[in-house]
Amino acid sequence: MPQKTSYRRGRSAAVLAMFGLSAFGLLPCAAAQDLLAESGPLSAMPGMHETGADLIWAVPEGASAGVSGYATLNFRLAMPFTLSTSATVDSVVVFGYQQGAIAGPTIDFLGVEVWNGRPGSPGSTKVAGDAAVDGLTSSEFANAYVALSGVTFANDRPVYALTAGNLGWSLQAGEYWLVWSMDGVLDGGPYSPYLGDDTRPVIGDAMQQFLGAWRPARTSTDSGTQVALPLQVYGQASCGADCDGDGSLTIFDYLCFQNAFNAGDPDADCDGDGEVTAADFACFQSRFMSGCP
């Protein structure tokens, strides 16, 4: 979008009056983190563990209990997510466990990055982050346990919500892939639980990297079901009327859009129909009056 432009005070006052604002009025954009995307509920069996916590069964019976994301052995995990609008991603949450972590969290490393397509596919590239760099900011018990199918009492696989914060990723609307790796102080894992119900895993698109090659993430390495892994993406959705990107709605945003509109700039296609028409001007005015999310 064009940058701020100078204007005469008389014209500004008239435009502001049209929007019902004073000469110094503005509409601030929200700063709180919102849930921008998630892959599904962590557990389909809430409160079903013997302790009253949620239960995650490794199903079908006999399959592995989770998918390894062990950074030391060059394992990485990947899962797609979709942003419905452009946004600043401030933090992501994935879930992990190590068998035997009864006394508390043992996962002490989380590296995250985001790709603009399926990792390993032609044309896909990393657009932000670095899964080789520790970004773990918190590890909290997710009130859930992983257990083998049919077992409701085992408490040796507590699941922790692992947060990588302070990311500041500016992403446009679209589909992305989150890539992450984990490390911990116990032998084995860390593993990500996979989504499922009490009889079968959720069929998904999750991928796993091992020794530099990407392959489907499955309930068992060769013949298992390709699964979905739990994740959450938090941040702030961009304000559609914040044309100059300064975080507030002011007269400068109106003038910014007007300049783009007069120039036929595709950025002025507010309603997304592929053309810059009078309908886009009405669309922008409506967004401006509605304020920021």
Protein backbone atom coordinates (compact mmCIF):
# COMPACT_ATOMS: atom_id res chain seq x y z
CA MET A 1 0.00 0.00 0.00
CA PRO A 2 1.14 3.62 -0.51
CA GLN A 3 2.81 5.43 2.35
CA LYS A 4 1.29 8.28 4.33
CA THR A 5 0.67 11.36 2.26
CA SER A 6 0.36 15.04 3.12
CA TYR A 7 -3.08 16.64 3.13
CA ARG A 8 -4.74 19.98 3.74
CA ARG A 9 -6.44 20.37 7.12
CA GLY A 10 -9.70 21.62 5.59
CA ARG A 11 -10.14 18.49 3.48
CA SER A 12 -9.13 16.29 6.39
CA ALA A 13 -11.71 17.81 8.68
CA ALA A 14 -14.41 17.22 6.08
CA VAL A 15 -13.42 13.58 5.64
CA LEU A 16 -13.25 13.04 9.39
CA ALA A 17 -16.66 14.60 9.80
CA MET A 18 -18.00 12.12 7.24
CA PHE A 19 -16.73 9.27 9.45
CA GLY A 20 -17.91 10.89 12.67
CA LEU A 21 -14.37 11.43 14.03
CA SER A 22 -12.72 14.46 15.55
CA ALA A 23 -9.59 15.91 13.99
CA PHE A 24 -7.52 13.91 16.50
CA GLY A 25 -9.74 10.80 16.68
CA LEU A 26 -8.55 7.27 15.90
CA LEU A 27 -9.73 3.71 16.27
CA PRO A 28 -7.04 1.54 17.91
CA CYS A 29 -6.46 -1.99 16.65
CA ALA A 30 -6.59 -4.85 19.11
CA ALA A 31 -3.29 -6.04 20.59
CA ALA A 32 -4.41 -9.21 22.42
CA GLN A 33 -3.51 -12.62 21.03
CA ASP A 34 -6.34 -14.50 19.36
CA LEU A 35 -6.55 -18.14 18.30
CA LEU A 36 -5.90 -17.89 14.57
CA ALA A 37 -5.82 -21.59 13.68
CA GLU A 38 -5.85 -25.05 15.23
CA SER A 39 -5.84 -28.59 13.92
CA GLY A 40 -8.41 -30.08 16.28
CA PRO A 41 -9.09 -30.91 19.93
CA LEU A 42 -6.19 -32.59 21.72
CA SER A 43 -8.39 -35.32 23.23
CA ALA A 44 -11.66 -36.82 22.07
CA MET A 45 -12.03 -38.50 25.48
CA PRO A 46 -12.28 -35.67 28.03
CA GLY A 47 -12.12 -36.74 31.67
CA MET A 48 -11.75 -40.42 30.75
CA HIS A 49 -8.37 -41.01 32.42
CA GLU A 50 -8.51 -42.58 35.85
CA THR A 51 -7.22 -39.33 37.38
CA GLY A 52 -10.03 -37.33 35.79
CA ALA A 53 -7.72 -35.90 33.16
CA ASP A 54 -8.32 -36.28 29.43
CA LEU A 55 -7.29 -39.52 27.75
CA ILE A 56 -5.53 -39.92 24.41
CA TRP A 57 -5.51 -43.51 23.24
CA ALA A 58 -2.84 -44.76 20.86
CA VAL A 59 -5.06 -46.48 18.34
CA PRO A 60 -5.39 -48.93 16.76
CA GLU A 61 -4.16 -51.26 19.47
CA GLY A 62 -0.50 -52.15 19.08
CA ALA A 63 0.47 -49.06 17.09
CA SER A 64 3.00 -46.54 18.35
CA ALA A 65 1.73 -44.13 20.99
CA GLY A 66 2.98 -41.02 19.18
CA VAL A 67 5.18 -39.63 16.43
CA SER A 68 8.80 -38.73 17.16
CA GLY A 69 10.03 -35.18 16.80
CA TYR A 70 13.41 -35.90 18.43
CA ALA A 71 15.74 -33.13 17.31
CA THR A 72 18.93 -34.97 18.31
CA LEU A 73 18.17 -37.71 15.75
CA ASN A 74 17.16 -35.17 13.09
CA PHE A 75 13.43 -35.81 13.39
CA ARG A 76 11.07 -32.97 12.54
CA LEU A 77 7.29 -32.84 12.35
CA ALA A 78 5.04 -30.80 10.07
CA MET A 79 1.34 -30.04 9.97
CA PRO A 80 -0.68 -27.64 7.78
CA PHE A 81 -2.74 -24.73 9.06
CA THR A 82 -4.76 -22.02 7.34
CA LEU A 83 -5.00 -18.29 8.05
CA SER A 84 -8.28 -16.79 6.90
CA THR A 85 -6.79 -13.29 6.95
CA SER A 86 -3.35 -11.72 7.06
CA ALA A 87 -1.99 -11.72 10.59
CA THR A 88 0.98 -11.41 12.89
CA VAL A 89 1.67 -14.81 14.47
CA ASP A 90 2.96 -14.24 17.99
CA SER A 91 3.09 -17.80 19.32
CA VAL A 92 2.45 -21.42 18.40
CA VAL A 93 1.58 -24.33 20.67
CA VAL A 94 2.37 -27.97 19.94
CA PHE A 95 2.07 -30.94 22.27
CA GLY A 96 4.65 -33.46 23.37
CA TYR A 97 5.47 -36.14 25.89
CA GLN A 98 8.28 -38.39 27.05
CA GLN A 99 7.58 -41.74 28.63
CA GLY A 100 8.42 -41.63 32.34
CA ALA A 101 8.01 -37.86 32.83
CA ILE A 102 5.94 -38.40 35.97
CA ALA A 103 7.70 -35.78 38.10
CA GLY A 104 7.16 -32.89 35.69
CA PRO A 105 8.01 -31.56 32.23
CA THR A 106 11.17 -32.97 30.70
CA ILE A 107 11.03 -31.40 27.21
CA ASP A 108 13.52 -28.54 27.18
CA PHE A 109 13.80 -27.63 23.50
CA LEU A 110 11.30 -26.56 20.86
CA GLY A 111 12.30 -25.22 17.47
CA VAL A 112 9.64 -23.92 15.08
CA GLU A 113 9.46 -22.57 11.54
CA VAL A 114 6.77 -21.98 8.93
CA TRP A 115 6.70 -22.97 5.25
CA ASN A 116 4.55 -21.74 2.38
CA GLY A 117 3.83 -25.30 1.21
CA ARG A 118 4.32 -28.94 2.14
CA PRO A 119 7.95 -29.38 3.26
CA GLY A 120 9.96 -31.31 0.71
CA SER A 121 7.58 -30.55 -2.16
CA PRO A 122 8.85 -28.62 -5.21
CA GLY A 123 8.49 -24.88 -4.77
CA SER A 124 7.93 -25.03 -1.01
CA THR A 125 10.21 -22.79 1.03
CA LYS A 126 10.68 -21.70 4.62
CA VAL A 127 9.26 -18.22 5.18
CA ALA A 128 9.89 -17.63 8.90
CA GLY A 129 11.47 -19.16 12.00
CA ASP A 130 14.15 -21.81 12.44
CA ALA A 131 13.44 -25.28 13.81
CA ALA A 132 17.11 -25.64 14.74
CA VAL A 133 16.90 -22.75 17.25
CA ASP A 134 15.30 -23.18 20.66
CA GLY A 135 12.19 -21.02 20.98
CA LEU A 136 10.53 -22.76 23.94
CA THR A 137 8.93 -20.18 26.23
CA SER A 138 6.66 -22.38 28.35
CA SER A 139 5.80 -26.01 29.03
CA GLU A 140 2.52 -26.68 30.83
CA PHE A 141 0.69 -29.90 31.67
CA ALA A 142 -2.17 -30.22 29.16
CA ASN A 143 -4.33 -32.22 31.60
CA ALA A 144 -4.07 -35.23 29.34
CA TYR A 145 -2.30 -38.59 29.24
CA VAL A 146 -1.41 -40.82 26.31
CA ALA A 147 -2.06 -44.51 26.88
CA LEU A 148 -2.14 -47.65 24.78
CA SER A 149 -5.56 -48.58 23.46
CA GLY A 150 -7.82 -49.95 26.19
CA VAL A 151 -5.67 -48.66 29.09
CA THR A 152 -7.13 -45.91 31.28
CA PHE A 153 -4.79 -45.87 34.27
CA ALA A 154 -1.23 -45.39 32.94
CA ASN A 155 0.22 -42.01 33.93
CA ASP A 156 3.75 -42.36 32.55
CA ARG A 157 3.02 -40.31 29.39
CA PRO A 158 1.72 -36.93 30.56
CA VAL A 159 1.20 -34.51 27.67
CA TYR A 160 2.59 -30.98 27.82
CA ALA A 161 1.53 -27.93 25.87
CA LEU A 162 4.77 -26.50 24.46
CA THR A 163 4.73 -22.83 23.50
CA ALA A 164 7.14 -20.98 21.26
CA GLY A 165 6.45 -17.29 21.78
CA ASN A 166 7.64 -13.86 20.71
CA LEU A 167 7.63 -14.95 17.07
CA GLY A 168 6.40 -11.84 15.24
CA TRP A 169 5.73 -13.67 11.95
CA SER A 170 3.85 -11.45 9.47
CA LEU A 171 1.87 -13.78 7.20
CA GLN A 172 -0.71 -13.20 4.50
CA ALA A 173 -3.94 -15.19 4.34
CA GLY A 174 -3.43 -18.71 3.01
CA GLU A 175 -2.27 -22.22 3.84
CA TYR A 176 1.03 -22.78 5.63
CA TRP A 177 2.90 -25.65 7.22
CA LEU A 178 4.28 -25.49 10.74
CA VAL A 179 7.52 -27.44 11.16
CA TRP A 180 8.87 -28.23 14.62
CA SER A 181 11.39 -30.34 16.51
CA MET A 182 11.71 -31.18 20.20
CA ASP A 183 14.29 -32.42 22.66
CA GLY A 184 14.17 -33.61 26.25
CA VAL A 185 16.20 -34.90 29.16
CA LEU A 186 14.83 -38.46 29.16
CA ASP A 187 15.67 -41.24 26.73
CA GLY A 188 13.01 -41.75 24.10
CA GLY A 189 11.08 -39.12 22.24
CA PRO A 190 9.94 -36.50 22.60
CA TYR A 191 6.82 -37.57 20.78
CA SER A 192 3.74 -35.74 19.60
CA PRO A 193 0.43 -37.43 20.32
CA TYR A 194 -1.84 -37.76 17.31
CA LEU A 195 -5.49 -36.86 17.06
CA GLY A 196 -8.05 -39.63 17.29
CA ASP A 197 -11.12 -40.99 19.02
CA ASP A 198 -11.56 -44.11 21.12
CA THR A 199 -11.28 -46.48 18.15
CA ARG A 200 -9.17 -44.93 15.38
CA PRO A 201 -6.75 -42.12 14.60
CA VAL A 202 -7.84 -39.07 12.66
CA ILE A 203 -6.57 -39.44 9.09
CA GLY A 204 -4.48 -36.37 8.35
CA ASP A 205 -1.64 -34.79 6.40
CA ALA A 206 1.10 -34.74 9.05
CA MET A 207 4.66 -35.25 7.83
CA GLN A 208 7.85 -36.41 9.54
CA GLN A 209 11.43 -35.68 8.53
CA PHE A 210 14.16 -38.20 9.25
CA LEU A 211 17.76 -37.91 8.01
CA GLY A 212 16.76 -35.05 5.74
CA ALA A 213 13.91 -36.85 3.96
CA TRP A 214 10.21 -36.13 4.45
CA ARG A 215 7.69 -38.96 4.78
CA PRO A 216 4.09 -39.28 6.02
CA ALA A 217 3.77 -39.28 9.81
CA ARG A 218 2.08 -42.57 10.64
CA THR A 219 0.92 -44.65 13.58
CA SER A 220 3.69 -47.05 12.58
CA THR A 221 6.63 -46.22 10.34
CA ASP A 222 5.81 -48.26 7.24
CA SER A 223 2.19 -49.37 7.15
CA GLY A 224 0.33 -47.27 9.67
CA THR A 225 -2.29 -44.56 9.12
CA GLN A 226 -1.08 -41.08 8.21
CA VAL A 227 -2.22 -38.97 11.16
CA ALA A 228 -3.06 -35.40 12.18
CA LEU A 229 -1.04 -33.73 14.93
CA PRO A 230 -2.41 -31.15 17.37
CA LEU A 231 -1.29 -27.54 17.08
CA GLN A 232 -2.55 -24.05 17.85
CA VAL A 233 -1.54 -20.74 16.28
CA TYR A 234 -2.01 -17.46 18.16
CA GLY A 235 -1.55 -13.84 17.18
CA GLN A 236 -3.30 -10.77 15.94
CA ALA A 237 -5.35 -10.64 12.76
CA SER A 238 -4.48 -7.68 10.60
CA CYS A 239 -6.93 -4.80 10.54
CA GLY A 240 -8.43 -4.70 7.05
CA ALA A 241 -8.81 -0.90 7.03
CA ASP A 242 -5.34 -0.14 8.44
CA CYS A 243 -4.06 0.83 5.00
CA ASP A 244 -0.81 2.43 6.16
CA GLY A 245 -0.05 -0.37 8.66
CA ASP A 246 0.61 1.83 11.70
CA GLY A 247 -1.70 -0.14 14.00
CA SER A 248 -4.47 2.49 14.27
CA LEU A 249 -7.28 3.72 12.08
CA THR A 250 -6.81 7.39 11.27
CA ILE A 251 -7.42 9.83 8.43
CA PHE A 252 -4.13 8.67 6.94
CA ASP A 253 -5.66 5.24 6.26
CA TYR A 254 -8.55 6.83 4.39
CA LEU A 255 -6.17 8.90 2.28
CA CYS A 256 -3.91 5.88 1.74
CA PHE A 257 -6.83 3.87 0.38
CA GLN A 258 -8.04 6.80 -1.71
CA ASN A 259 -4.61 7.09 -3.35
CA ALA A 260 -4.57 3.36 -4.10
CA PHE A 261 -8.13 3.48 -5.41
CA ASN A 262 -7.43 6.44 -7.71
CA ALA A 263 -4.33 4.64 -9.06
CA GLY A 264 -6.27 1.43 -9.72
CA ASP A 265 -3.88 -0.40 -7.40
CA PRO A 266 -4.89 -4.07 -6.87
CA ASP A 267 -4.43 -3.45 -3.14
CA ALA A 268 -7.60 -1.33 -3.33
CA ASP A 269 -9.65 -4.39 -4.34
CA CYS A 270 -11.33 -4.48 -0.94
CA ASP A 271 -14.10 -6.93 -1.86
CA GLY A 272 -11.71 -9.31 -3.61
CA ASP A 273 -13.60 -9.57 -6.91
CA GLY A 274 -10.51 -8.89 -9.01
CA GLU A 275 -11.52 -5.34 -10.01
CA VAL A 276 -11.20 -1.90 -8.43
CA THR A 277 -14.71 -0.43 -8.52
CA ALA A 278 -17.01 1.79 -6.50
CA ALA A 279 -17.97 -1.30 -4.50
CA ASP A 280 -14.42 -1.42 -3.12
CA PHE A 281 -14.74 2.14 -1.87
CA ALA A 282 -17.94 1.19 -0.02
CA CYS A 283 -16.23 -1.94 1.30
CA PHE A 284 -13.34 0.05 2.72
CA GLN A 285 -15.67 2.60 4.30
CA SER A 286 -17.58 -0.20 6.01
CA ARG A 287 -14.35 -1.73 7.36
CA PHE A 288 -13.14 1.64 8.56
CA MET A 289 -16.35 2.31 10.45
CA SER A 290 -16.31 -1.20 11.96
CA GLY A 291 -12.85 -0.64 13.47
CA CYS A 292 -10.20 -3.30 14.05
CA PRO A 293 -10.80 -6.87 15.22
